[in-house]
Amino acid sequence: MEATNLHFFTGENTYALRKELLRWKQNFVSKHGPENFLTMPPKDITVSDLLDSVSTMPFLAENRLVVLEGIPKIDKEDLQHVLEEIHPQ
C-alpha cells in the first residue's frame, strides 16, 4: 500500500492549519481549476462516495485534489481499498 498523495493537516495550532489549508486550496484551484477540486465534509462521506472521488481522473488538468474535512468512520479494510484506488494524479 503506497499513498504518496495523502497529506494530513493535524496539530494544535488550528489557525495556522486552516490558513495553510486555505493556501493549498487557493493555489490548487488557480492552477488546475475548480472542476478538479472537491471538499467532502466527514459526516456525509460513504465508502462508495470516497472511492468515486479519489479514483476519478482529473478533467483537462494534471491533478485533482480531494479534501476530507475530517476523518470518515470507515473500516480498516475499506480504508485500505480506498488507498489502493487513489488516482496517481
N, C-alpha and C. Protein backbone atom coordinates (compact mmCIF):
# COMPACT_ATOMS: atom_id res chain seq x y z
N MET A 1 0.85 -1.17 0.00
CA MET A 1 0.00 0.00 0.00
C MET A 1 0.89 1.23 0.00
N GLU A 2 0.75 2.07 -1.04
CA GLU A 2 1.52 3.29 -1.13
C GLU A 2 0.57 4.45 -1.34
N ALA A 3 0.57 5.39 -0.44
CA ALA A 3 -0.31 6.55 -0.54
C ALA A 3 0.54 7.83 -0.50
N THR A 4 1.32 8.05 -1.55
CA THR A 4 2.21 9.20 -1.57
C THR A 4 1.46 10.51 -1.77
N ASN A 5 0.22 10.46 -2.22
CA ASN A 5 -0.57 11.66 -2.46
C ASN A 5 -1.52 11.94 -1.31
N LEU A 6 -1.20 11.47 -0.14
CA LEU A 6 -2.05 11.63 1.02
C LEU A 6 -1.35 12.54 2.02
N HIS A 7 -2.03 13.64 2.43
CA HIS A 7 -1.45 14.60 3.36
C HIS A 7 -2.43 14.84 4.50
N PHE A 8 -1.92 14.93 5.71
CA PHE A 8 -2.74 15.20 6.89
C PHE A 8 -2.35 16.55 7.46
N PHE A 9 -3.35 17.37 7.76
CA PHE A 9 -3.13 18.64 8.44
C PHE A 9 -3.60 18.44 9.87
N THR A 10 -2.68 18.20 10.78
CA THR A 10 -3.03 17.95 12.18
C THR A 10 -2.15 18.79 13.09
N GLY A 11 -2.61 19.00 14.29
CA GLY A 11 -1.83 19.72 15.27
C GLY A 11 -2.71 20.59 16.13
N GLU A 12 -2.09 21.29 17.04
CA GLU A 12 -2.82 22.11 18.00
C GLU A 12 -3.10 23.52 17.50
N ASN A 13 -2.32 24.03 16.57
CA ASN A 13 -2.49 25.40 16.08
C ASN A 13 -3.50 25.40 14.93
N THR A 14 -4.77 25.38 15.27
CA THR A 14 -5.82 25.27 14.25
C THR A 14 -5.85 26.48 13.32
N TYR A 15 -5.50 27.64 13.83
CA TYR A 15 -5.46 28.84 12.99
C TYR A 15 -4.44 28.67 11.86
N ALA A 16 -3.23 28.27 12.21
CA ALA A 16 -2.18 28.08 11.21
C ALA A 16 -2.54 26.94 10.24
N LEU A 17 -3.15 25.88 10.76
CA LEU A 17 -3.54 24.77 9.91
C LEU A 17 -4.61 25.19 8.90
N ARG A 18 -5.61 25.93 9.36
CA ARG A 18 -6.67 26.41 8.45
C ARG A 18 -6.10 27.35 7.40
N LYS A 19 -5.20 28.22 7.82
CA LYS A 19 -4.58 29.17 6.90
C LYS A 19 -3.77 28.43 5.83
N GLU A 20 -3.01 27.44 6.23
CA GLU A 20 -2.20 26.66 5.28
C GLU A 20 -3.09 25.86 4.33
N LEU A 21 -4.16 25.26 4.85
CA LEU A 21 -5.08 24.52 4.00
C LEU A 21 -5.75 25.45 3.00
N LEU A 22 -6.14 26.63 3.42
CA LEU A 22 -6.75 27.61 2.52
C LEU A 22 -5.77 27.99 1.42
N ARG A 23 -4.50 28.14 1.79
CA ARG A 23 -3.46 28.46 0.79
C ARG A 23 -3.35 27.34 -0.24
N TRP A 24 -3.36 26.08 0.22
CA TRP A 24 -3.31 24.93 -0.67
C TRP A 24 -4.49 24.96 -1.64
N LYS A 25 -5.69 25.16 -1.09
CA LYS A 25 -6.90 25.16 -1.91
C LYS A 25 -6.85 26.25 -2.97
N GLN A 26 -6.51 27.47 -2.56
CA GLN A 26 -6.47 28.59 -3.50
C GLN A 26 -5.43 28.38 -4.59
N ASN A 27 -4.25 27.94 -4.22
CA ASN A 27 -3.20 27.68 -5.21
C ASN A 27 -3.60 26.58 -6.18
N PHE A 28 -4.22 25.53 -5.63
CA PHE A 28 -4.61 24.42 -6.49
C PHE A 28 -5.68 24.85 -7.49
N VAL A 29 -6.72 25.53 -7.02
CA VAL A 29 -7.81 25.96 -7.89
C VAL A 29 -7.31 26.93 -8.95
N SER A 30 -6.41 27.83 -8.59
CA SER A 30 -5.90 28.78 -9.58
C SER A 30 -5.06 28.07 -10.65
N LYS A 31 -4.41 26.99 -10.29
CA LYS A 31 -3.56 26.27 -11.25
C LYS A 31 -4.33 25.22 -12.05
N HIS A 32 -5.26 24.48 -11.41
CA HIS A 32 -5.91 23.34 -12.06
C HIS A 32 -7.41 23.51 -12.29
N GLY A 33 -7.99 24.58 -11.77
CA GLY A 33 -9.40 24.86 -11.98
C GLY A 33 -10.29 24.26 -10.91
N PRO A 34 -11.45 24.88 -10.68
CA PRO A 34 -12.37 24.41 -9.64
C PRO A 34 -13.00 23.05 -9.94
N GLU A 35 -13.05 22.67 -11.21
CA GLU A 35 -13.63 21.37 -11.57
C GLU A 35 -12.78 20.19 -11.13
N ASN A 36 -11.55 20.45 -10.73
CA ASN A 36 -10.65 19.40 -10.25
C ASN A 36 -10.42 19.46 -8.75
N PHE A 37 -11.27 20.20 -8.06
CA PHE A 37 -11.17 20.34 -6.61
C PHE A 37 -12.49 19.95 -5.96
N LEU A 38 -12.40 19.13 -4.91
CA LEU A 38 -13.60 18.68 -4.21
C LEU A 38 -13.34 18.69 -2.71
N THR A 39 -14.28 19.25 -1.94
CA THR A 39 -14.23 19.21 -0.49
C THR A 39 -15.38 18.33 -0.01
N MET A 40 -15.07 17.41 0.90
CA MET A 40 -16.09 16.50 1.42
C MET A 40 -16.14 16.60 2.95
N PRO A 41 -17.33 17.02 3.50
CA PRO A 41 -17.48 17.02 4.96
C PRO A 41 -17.53 15.58 5.47
N PRO A 42 -16.93 15.29 6.62
CA PRO A 42 -16.81 13.90 7.09
C PRO A 42 -18.14 13.20 7.36
N LYS A 43 -19.15 13.92 7.79
CA LYS A 43 -20.40 13.25 8.13
C LYS A 43 -21.14 12.73 6.90
N ASP A 44 -20.86 13.28 5.73
CA ASP A 44 -21.54 12.88 4.51
C ASP A 44 -20.79 11.83 3.70
N ILE A 45 -19.63 11.42 4.16
CA ILE A 45 -18.78 10.54 3.37
C ILE A 45 -19.16 9.07 3.56
N THR A 46 -19.44 8.41 2.44
CA THR A 46 -19.60 6.96 2.43
C THR A 46 -18.40 6.38 1.73
N VAL A 47 -18.16 5.11 1.91
CA VAL A 47 -17.02 4.46 1.26
C VAL A 47 -17.17 4.57 -0.26
N SER A 48 -18.38 4.38 -0.74
CA SER A 48 -18.63 4.47 -2.18
C SER A 48 -18.32 5.87 -2.72
N ASP A 49 -18.79 6.91 -2.02
CA ASP A 49 -18.52 8.28 -2.43
C ASP A 49 -17.03 8.58 -2.41
N LEU A 50 -16.37 8.10 -1.38
CA LEU A 50 -14.93 8.33 -1.24
C LEU A 50 -14.17 7.65 -2.37
N LEU A 51 -14.54 6.41 -2.67
CA LEU A 51 -13.90 5.70 -3.78
C LEU A 51 -14.11 6.43 -5.10
N ASP A 52 -15.33 6.87 -5.35
CA ASP A 52 -15.61 7.61 -6.58
C ASP A 52 -14.78 8.88 -6.67
N SER A 53 -14.64 9.58 -5.57
CA SER A 53 -13.94 10.85 -5.56
C SER A 53 -12.44 10.70 -5.77
N VAL A 54 -11.83 9.75 -5.10
CA VAL A 54 -10.36 9.64 -5.17
C VAL A 54 -9.87 8.87 -6.40
N SER A 55 -10.74 8.12 -7.03
CA SER A 55 -10.30 7.35 -8.20
C SER A 55 -10.60 8.05 -9.52
N THR A 56 -11.28 9.21 -9.46
CA THR A 56 -11.63 9.95 -10.67
C THR A 56 -10.41 10.65 -11.25
N MET A 57 -10.26 10.54 -12.55
CA MET A 57 -9.17 11.18 -13.27
C MET A 57 -9.42 12.69 -13.35
N PRO A 58 -8.37 13.52 -13.31
CA PRO A 58 -8.55 14.96 -13.44
C PRO A 58 -9.19 15.32 -14.78
N PHE A 59 -9.95 16.43 -14.80
CA PHE A 59 -10.60 16.90 -16.02
C PHE A 59 -9.77 18.00 -16.65
N LEU A 60 -9.16 17.70 -17.79
CA LEU A 60 -8.35 18.66 -18.54
C LEU A 60 -7.30 19.37 -17.70
N ALA A 61 -6.68 18.64 -16.80
CA ALA A 61 -5.62 19.20 -15.95
C ALA A 61 -4.69 18.07 -15.53
N GLU A 62 -3.57 18.45 -14.93
CA GLU A 62 -2.61 17.45 -14.47
C GLU A 62 -3.05 16.74 -13.21
N ASN A 63 -3.73 17.45 -12.31
CA ASN A 63 -4.04 16.91 -10.99
C ASN A 63 -5.47 17.17 -10.57
N ARG A 64 -5.89 16.43 -9.55
CA ARG A 64 -7.19 16.58 -8.92
C ARG A 64 -6.95 16.55 -7.41
N LEU A 65 -7.66 17.39 -6.66
CA LEU A 65 -7.49 17.45 -5.22
C LEU A 65 -8.82 17.18 -4.53
N VAL A 66 -8.81 16.22 -3.61
CA VAL A 66 -9.98 15.91 -2.79
C VAL A 66 -9.59 16.18 -1.35
N VAL A 67 -10.33 17.08 -0.69
CA VAL A 67 -10.07 17.43 0.71
C VAL A 67 -11.17 16.85 1.58
N LEU A 68 -10.78 16.02 2.53
CA LEU A 68 -11.72 15.49 3.52
C LEU A 68 -11.60 16.37 4.75
N GLU A 69 -12.70 16.98 5.16
CA GLU A 69 -12.67 17.87 6.32
C GLU A 69 -12.88 17.07 7.60
N GLY A 70 -12.03 16.11 7.81
CA GLY A 70 -12.11 15.22 8.96
C GLY A 70 -11.87 13.80 8.49
N ILE A 71 -11.77 12.91 9.43
CA ILE A 71 -11.52 11.51 9.10
C ILE A 71 -12.85 10.76 9.14
N PRO A 72 -13.22 10.16 8.01
CA PRO A 72 -14.50 9.44 7.99
C PRO A 72 -14.43 8.15 8.81
N LYS A 73 -15.57 7.71 9.29
CA LYS A 73 -15.65 6.46 10.04
C LYS A 73 -15.87 5.32 9.06
N ILE A 74 -14.75 4.69 8.67
CA ILE A 74 -14.82 3.54 7.78
C ILE A 74 -13.93 2.43 8.33
N ASP A 75 -14.23 1.21 7.92
CA ASP A 75 -13.46 0.05 8.37
C ASP A 75 -12.04 0.08 7.83
N LYS A 76 -11.15 -0.60 8.52
CA LYS A 76 -9.74 -0.67 8.11
C LYS A 76 -9.62 -1.26 6.71
N GLU A 77 -10.41 -2.28 6.42
CA GLU A 77 -10.36 -2.93 5.10
C GLU A 77 -10.82 -1.96 4.01
N ASP A 78 -11.89 -1.18 4.31
CA ASP A 78 -12.38 -0.20 3.34
C ASP A 78 -11.35 0.89 3.12
N LEU A 79 -10.68 1.33 4.17
CA LEU A 79 -9.65 2.35 4.05
C LEU A 79 -8.51 1.84 3.17
N GLN A 80 -8.11 0.60 3.37
CA GLN A 80 -7.04 0.02 2.56
C GLN A 80 -7.45 0.02 1.08
N HIS A 81 -8.70 -0.35 0.81
CA HIS A 81 -9.20 -0.37 -0.56
C HIS A 81 -9.20 1.04 -1.16
N VAL A 82 -9.64 2.02 -0.39
CA VAL A 82 -9.65 3.41 -0.86
C VAL A 82 -8.23 3.87 -1.19
N LEU A 83 -7.28 3.58 -0.31
CA LEU A 83 -5.89 3.98 -0.54
C LEU A 83 -5.31 3.34 -1.80
N GLU A 84 -5.72 2.12 -2.08
CA GLU A 84 -5.24 1.43 -3.30
C GLU A 84 -5.84 2.03 -4.56
N GLU A 85 -6.99 2.68 -4.45
CA GLU A 85 -7.70 3.20 -5.60
C GLU A 85 -7.44 4.68 -5.88
N ILE A 86 -6.61 5.34 -5.07
CA ILE A 86 -6.33 6.76 -5.30
C ILE A 86 -5.68 6.93 -6.67
N HIS A 87 -6.26 7.80 -7.48
CA HIS A 87 -5.71 8.07 -8.80
C HIS A 87 -4.35 8.75 -8.63
N PRO A 88 -3.34 8.37 -9.40
CA PRO A 88 -1.99 8.92 -9.20
C PRO A 88 -1.88 10.42 -9.44
N GLN A 89 -2.87 11.01 -10.09
CA GLN A 89 -2.81 12.45 -10.35
C GLN A 89 -3.73 13.18 -9.42
